Amino acid sequence: MPVVVFRAGAHCCAISAETVECVIPVVAIDAVPGAPRAVLGIINFHGTVVPVVDPRRRFGERGGELELGQKLILVNTPTRLVALLNDRIEGVEPIAPELIASMEDFVPGAGKLKGLAAWQDGLVFVHDPGLLLTQAEEKRVDAALRRSQPRARPTD
């Protein structure tokens, strides 16, 4: 299966290429009070509000710093479009599905990743688009977005 391989902090990561909508240069990210820790904020992508997930935060790293040259990988999940912040995109590479071991095999309860594969001189963490945001995080993002929407003013 072809995957987009990218770097997020100290980690090499991948996501199925068929779920990638596009790659765009990093843009200003608006913070959303009450959003989950892994969600840096939101962007406006052609009129669609898109949450930005920082995989570094999933790995317990600080993350969140934006630098010139960073890209956002826009990924179609089962419920919404999500942007993945990354430090560098390595390219599109094939990884045989049988080489991806379930995270549950290594760390029971890890749950946020599809799996782990040996890759070149290290490991690649393979993300599952459906797990970029948990159901609880989806609800928190939705609630935070509702709270941040300007309220309509009554007209006279």
C-alpha atoms as a PDB file:
ATOM      1  CA  MET A   1       0.000   0.000   0.000  1.00  0.00           C
ATOM      2  CA  PRO A   2       1.418   3.426  -0.818  1.00  0.00           C
ATOM      3  CA  VAL A   3       1.932   5.680   2.204  1.00  0.00           C
ATOM      4  CA  VAL A   4       3.025   9.274   2.659  1.00  0.00           C
ATOM      5  CA  VAL A   5       6.074   9.144   4.940  1.00  0.00           C
ATOM      6  CA  PHE A   6       6.753  12.203   7.085  1.00  0.00           C
ATOM      7  CA  ARG A   7       8.741  13.330  10.110  1.00  0.00           C
ATOM      8  CA  ALA A   8       7.048  14.624  13.241  1.00  0.00           C
ATOM      9  CA  GLY A   9       9.607  15.526  15.864  1.00  0.00           C
ATOM     10  CA  ALA A  10      11.823  12.544  16.570  1.00  0.00           C
ATOM     11  CA  HIS A  11       9.405  10.134  14.881  1.00  0.00           C
ATOM     12  CA  CYS A  12       9.052   8.834  11.361  1.00  0.00           C
ATOM     13  CA  CYS A  13       5.350   8.496  10.539  1.00  0.00           C
ATOM     14  CA  ALA A  14       3.190   7.413   7.626  1.00  0.00           C
ATOM     15  CA  ILE A  15      -0.416   7.609   6.497  1.00  0.00           C
ATOM     16  CA  SER A  16      -2.180   5.878   3.627  1.00  0.00           C
ATOM     17  CA  ALA A  17      -1.664   7.921   0.468  1.00  0.00           C
ATOM     18  CA  GLU A  18      -5.210   7.235  -0.696  1.00  0.00           C
ATOM     19  CA  THR A  19      -6.602   9.190   2.280  1.00  0.00           C
ATOM     20  CA  VAL A  20      -4.480  12.279   1.550  1.00  0.00           C
ATOM     21  CA  GLU A  21      -6.468  15.108  -0.008  1.00  0.00           C
ATOM     22  CA  CYS A  22      -3.463  17.369  -0.594  1.00  0.00           C
ATOM     23  CA  VAL A  23      -0.380  18.929   0.970  1.00  0.00           C
ATOM     24  CA  ILE A  24      -0.291  22.674   1.629  1.00  0.00           C
ATOM     25  CA  PRO A  25       2.254  25.058   3.148  1.00  0.00           C
ATOM     26  CA  VAL A  26       1.657  25.727   6.829  1.00  0.00           C
ATOM     27  CA  VAL A  27      -0.666  28.669   7.418  1.00  0.00           C
ATOM     28  CA  ALA A  28      -1.742  30.583  10.506  1.00  0.00           C
ATOM     29  CA  ILE A  29      -3.484  28.240  12.904  1.00  0.00           C
ATOM     30  CA  ASP A  30      -6.216  29.693  15.106  1.00  0.00           C
ATOM     31  CA  ALA A  31      -6.271  28.274  18.640  1.00  0.00           C
ATOM     32  CA  VAL A  32      -9.573  26.857  19.860  1.00  0.00           C
ATOM     33  CA  PRO A  33     -10.112  27.001  23.630  1.00  0.00           C
ATOM     34  CA  GLY A  34     -11.122  23.614  25.015  1.00  0.00           C
ATOM     35  CA  ALA A  35      -9.724  21.619  22.083  1.00  0.00           C
ATOM     36  CA  PRO A  36      -7.922  18.326  22.847  1.00  0.00           C
ATOM     37  CA  ARG A  37      -4.159  18.548  23.513  1.00  0.00           C
ATOM     38  CA  ALA A  38      -3.228  16.989  20.153  1.00  0.00           C
ATOM     39  CA  VAL A  39      -5.286  19.618  18.295  1.00  0.00           C
ATOM     40  CA  LEU A  40      -3.245  22.794  17.761  1.00  0.00           C
ATOM     41  CA  GLY A  41      -6.219  24.688  16.427  1.00  0.00           C
ATOM     42  CA  ILE A  42      -8.080  25.164  13.164  1.00  0.00           C
ATOM     43  CA  ILE A  43      -7.514  26.506   9.680  1.00  0.00           C
ATOM     44  CA  ASN A  44      -9.859  27.645   6.938  1.00  0.00           C
ATOM     45  CA  PHE A  45      -9.317  25.481   3.864  1.00  0.00           C
ATOM     46  CA  HIS A  46     -11.442  26.831   1.005  1.00  0.00           C
ATOM     47  CA  GLY A  47     -14.328  27.578   3.370  1.00  0.00           C
ATOM     48  CA  THR A  48     -14.026  24.364   5.390  1.00  0.00           C
ATOM     49  CA  VAL A  49     -12.959  24.528   9.031  1.00  0.00           C
ATOM     50  CA  VAL A  50     -10.196  21.939   9.479  1.00  0.00           C
ATOM     51  CA  PRO A  51      -8.687  20.874  12.823  1.00  0.00           C
ATOM     52  CA  VAL A  52      -4.876  20.689  12.847  1.00  0.00           C
ATOM     53  CA  VAL A  53      -3.410  17.671  14.672  1.00  0.00           C
ATOM     54  CA  ASP A  54       0.217  17.663  15.822  1.00  0.00           C
ATOM     55  CA  PRO A  55       1.458  14.043  15.942  1.00  0.00           C
ATOM     56  CA  ARG A  56       4.400  15.156  18.120  1.00  0.00           C
ATOM     57  CA  ARG A  57       1.926  15.798  20.931  1.00  0.00           C
ATOM     58  CA  ARG A  58       0.580  12.245  20.542  1.00  0.00           C
ATOM     59  CA  PHE A  59       4.104  11.023  21.256  1.00  0.00           C
ATOM     60  CA  GLY A  60       4.372  13.184  24.376  1.00  0.00           C
ATOM     61  CA  GLU A  61       6.632  15.769  22.745  1.00  0.00           C
ATOM     62  CA  ARG A  62       6.066  19.479  23.181  1.00  0.00           C
ATOM     63  CA  GLY A  63       5.257  20.310  19.552  1.00  0.00           C
ATOM     64  CA  GLY A  64       3.176  23.191  18.347  1.00  0.00           C
ATOM     65  CA  GLU A  65       5.956  25.419  17.062  1.00  0.00           C
ATOM     66  CA  LEU A  66       5.442  26.528  13.482  1.00  0.00           C
ATOM     67  CA  GLU A  67       8.437  26.961  11.207  1.00  0.00           C
ATOM     68  CA  LEU A  68       8.868  28.235   7.685  1.00  0.00           C
ATOM     69  CA  GLY A  69       8.855  25.312   5.274  1.00  0.00           C
ATOM     70  CA  GLN A  70       6.552  23.071   7.291  1.00  0.00           C
ATOM     71  CA  LYS A  71       3.630  21.497   5.466  1.00  0.00           C
ATOM     72  CA  LEU A  72       0.141  20.389   6.420  1.00  0.00           C
ATOM     73  CA  ILE A  73      -1.045  17.027   5.111  1.00  0.00           C
ATOM     74  CA  LEU A  74      -4.810  17.214   4.652  1.00  0.00           C
ATOM     75  CA  VAL A  75      -6.296  13.799   5.347  1.00  0.00           C
ATOM     76  CA  ASN A  76      -9.834  12.540   4.785  1.00  0.00           C
ATOM     77  CA  THR A  77     -11.009  10.694   7.894  1.00  0.00           C
ATOM     78  CA  PRO A  78     -14.351   8.887   8.096  1.00  0.00           C
ATOM     79  CA  THR A  79     -15.919  11.993   9.685  1.00  0.00           C
ATOM     80  CA  ARG A  80     -13.997  15.086   8.559  1.00  0.00           C
ATOM     81  CA  LEU A  81     -10.966  16.600   6.894  1.00  0.00           C
ATOM     82  CA  VAL A  82      -7.996  16.819   9.310  1.00  0.00           C
ATOM     83  CA  ALA A  83      -4.625  18.528   8.798  1.00  0.00           C
ATOM     84  CA  LEU A  84      -1.470  16.819  10.084  1.00  0.00           C
ATOM     85  CA  LEU A  85       1.378  19.141  11.005  1.00  0.00           C
ATOM     86  CA  ASN A  86       4.778  17.696  10.186  1.00  0.00           C
ATOM     87  CA  ASP A  87       8.383  18.753  10.087  1.00  0.00           C
ATOM     88  CA  ARG A  88       9.293  17.201   6.739  1.00  0.00           C
ATOM     89  CA  ILE A  89       7.646  15.001   4.127  1.00  0.00           C
ATOM     90  CA  GLU A  90       9.935  12.189   3.009  1.00  0.00           C
ATOM     91  CA  GLY A  91       7.784  11.100   0.054  1.00  0.00           C
ATOM     92  CA  VAL A  92       5.360   8.426  -1.056  1.00  0.00           C
ATOM     93  CA  GLU A  93       6.646   4.914  -0.483  1.00  0.00           C
ATOM     94  CA  PRO A  94       5.176   1.415  -0.669  1.00  0.00           C
ATOM     95  CA  ILE A  95       4.792  -0.589   2.543  1.00  0.00           C
ATOM     96  CA  ALA A  96       3.361  -4.078   2.257  1.00  0.00           C
ATOM     97  CA  PRO A  97       0.362  -4.351   4.616  1.00  0.00           C
ATOM     98  CA  GLU A  98       1.737  -7.598   6.057  1.00  0.00           C
ATOM     99  CA  LEU A  99       4.820  -5.703   7.266  1.00  0.00           C
ATOM    100  CA  ILE A 100       2.713  -3.408   9.460  1.00  0.00           C
ATOM    101  CA  ALA A 101       2.377  -4.922  12.913  1.00  0.00           C
ATOM    102  CA  SER A 102      -0.545  -3.848  15.049  1.00  0.00           C
ATOM    103  CA  MET A 103       0.350  -1.424  17.842  1.00  0.00           C
ATOM    104  CA  GLU A 104      -1.616  -3.686  20.186  1.00  0.00           C
ATOM    105  CA  ASP A 105       1.092  -6.337  19.596  1.00  0.00           C
ATOM    106  CA  PHE A 106       3.702  -3.981  21.076  1.00  0.00           C
ATOM    107  CA  VAL A 107       1.801  -1.742  23.467  1.00  0.00           C
ATOM    108  CA  PRO A 108      -1.634  -2.957  24.541  1.00  0.00           C
ATOM    109  CA  GLY A 109      -4.036  -0.026  24.629  1.00  0.00           C
ATOM    110  CA  ALA A 110      -1.867   2.131  22.317  1.00  0.00           C
ATOM    111  CA  GLY A 111      -4.882   2.507  20.068  1.00  0.00           C
ATOM    112  CA  LYS A 112      -4.128   5.828  18.297  1.00  0.00           C
ATOM    113  CA  LEU A 113      -1.980   4.291  15.564  1.00  0.00           C
ATOM    114  CA  LYS A 114      -2.703   1.672  12.938  1.00  0.00           C
ATOM    115  CA  GLY A 115       0.634  -0.002  13.439  1.00  0.00           C
ATOM    116  CA  LEU A 116       4.395  -0.024  13.332  1.00  0.00           C
ATOM    117  CA  ALA A 117       6.763  -1.157  10.576  1.00  0.00           C
ATOM    118  CA  ALA A 118      10.519  -1.532  10.262  1.00  0.00           C
ATOM    119  CA  TRP A 119      11.661   1.253   7.961  1.00  0.00           C
ATOM    120  CA  GLN A 120      15.103   1.926   6.505  1.00  0.00           C
ATOM    121  CA  ASP A 121      17.265   2.543   9.578  1.00  0.00           C
ATOM    122  CA  GLY A 122      14.454   2.731  12.139  1.00  0.00           C
ATOM    123  CA  LEU A 123      10.706   2.451  12.573  1.00  0.00           C
ATOM    124  CA  VAL A 124       7.724   4.117  10.961  1.00  0.00           C
ATOM    125  CA  PHE A 125       4.530   4.764  12.923  1.00  0.00           C
ATOM    126  CA  VAL A 126       1.593   4.202  10.566  1.00  0.00           C
ATOM    127  CA  HIS A 127      -1.383   6.442  11.350  1.00  0.00           C
ATOM    128  CA  ASP A 128      -4.973   5.354  10.745  1.00  0.00           C
ATOM    129  CA  PRO A 129      -7.067   8.308   9.491  1.00  0.00           C
ATOM    130  CA  GLY A 130     -10.020   7.028  11.502  1.00  0.00           C
ATOM    131  CA  LEU A 131      -7.952   7.286  14.683  1.00  0.00           C
ATOM    132  CA  LEU A 132      -6.446  10.763  14.203  1.00  0.00           C
ATOM    133  CA  LEU A 133      -9.137  11.994  16.575  1.00  0.00           C
ATOM    134  CA  THR A 134     -10.918   9.710  19.040  1.00  0.00           C
ATOM    135  CA  GLN A 135     -14.698   9.991  19.364  1.00  0.00           C
ATOM    136  CA  ALA A 136     -14.221  11.945  22.583  1.00  0.00           C
ATOM    137  CA  GLU A 137     -11.759  14.297  20.849  1.00  0.00           C
ATOM    138  CA  GLU A 138     -14.169  14.716  17.918  1.00  0.00           C
ATOM    139  CA  LYS A 139     -16.870  15.787  20.376  1.00  0.00           C
ATOM    140  CA  ARG A 140     -14.486  18.187  22.152  1.00  0.00           C
ATOM    141  CA  VAL A 141     -13.456  19.730  18.813  1.00  0.00           C
ATOM    142  CA  ASP A 142     -17.104  20.131  17.807  1.00  0.00           C
ATOM    143  CA  ALA A 143     -17.997  21.676  21.185  1.00  0.00           C
ATOM    144  CA  ALA A 144     -14.988  24.001  21.089  1.00  0.00           C
ATOM    145  CA  LEU A 145     -15.896  25.104  17.571  1.00  0.00           C
ATOM    146  CA  ARG A 146     -19.499  25.783  18.588  1.00  0.00           C
ATOM    147  CA  ARG A 147     -18.286  27.897  21.539  1.00  0.00           C
ATOM    148  CA  SER A 148     -15.942  29.886  19.311  1.00  0.00           C
ATOM    149  CA  GLN A 149     -18.590  30.708  16.694  1.00  0.00           C
ATOM    150  CA  PRO A 150     -19.812  34.285  16.872  1.00  0.00           C
ATOM    151  CA  ARG A 151     -23.408  34.414  17.985  1.00  0.00           C
ATOM    152  CA  ALA A 152     -25.928  35.896  15.563  1.00  0.00           C
ATOM    153  CA  ARG A 153     -27.212  39.283  16.675  1.00  0.00           C
ATOM    154  CA  PRO A 154     -30.885  39.948  16.484  1.00  0.00           C
ATOM    155  CA  THR A 155     -31.797  42.411  13.777  1.00  0.00           C
ATOM    156  CA  ASP A 156     -34.113  45.320  14.416  1.00  0.00           C
END
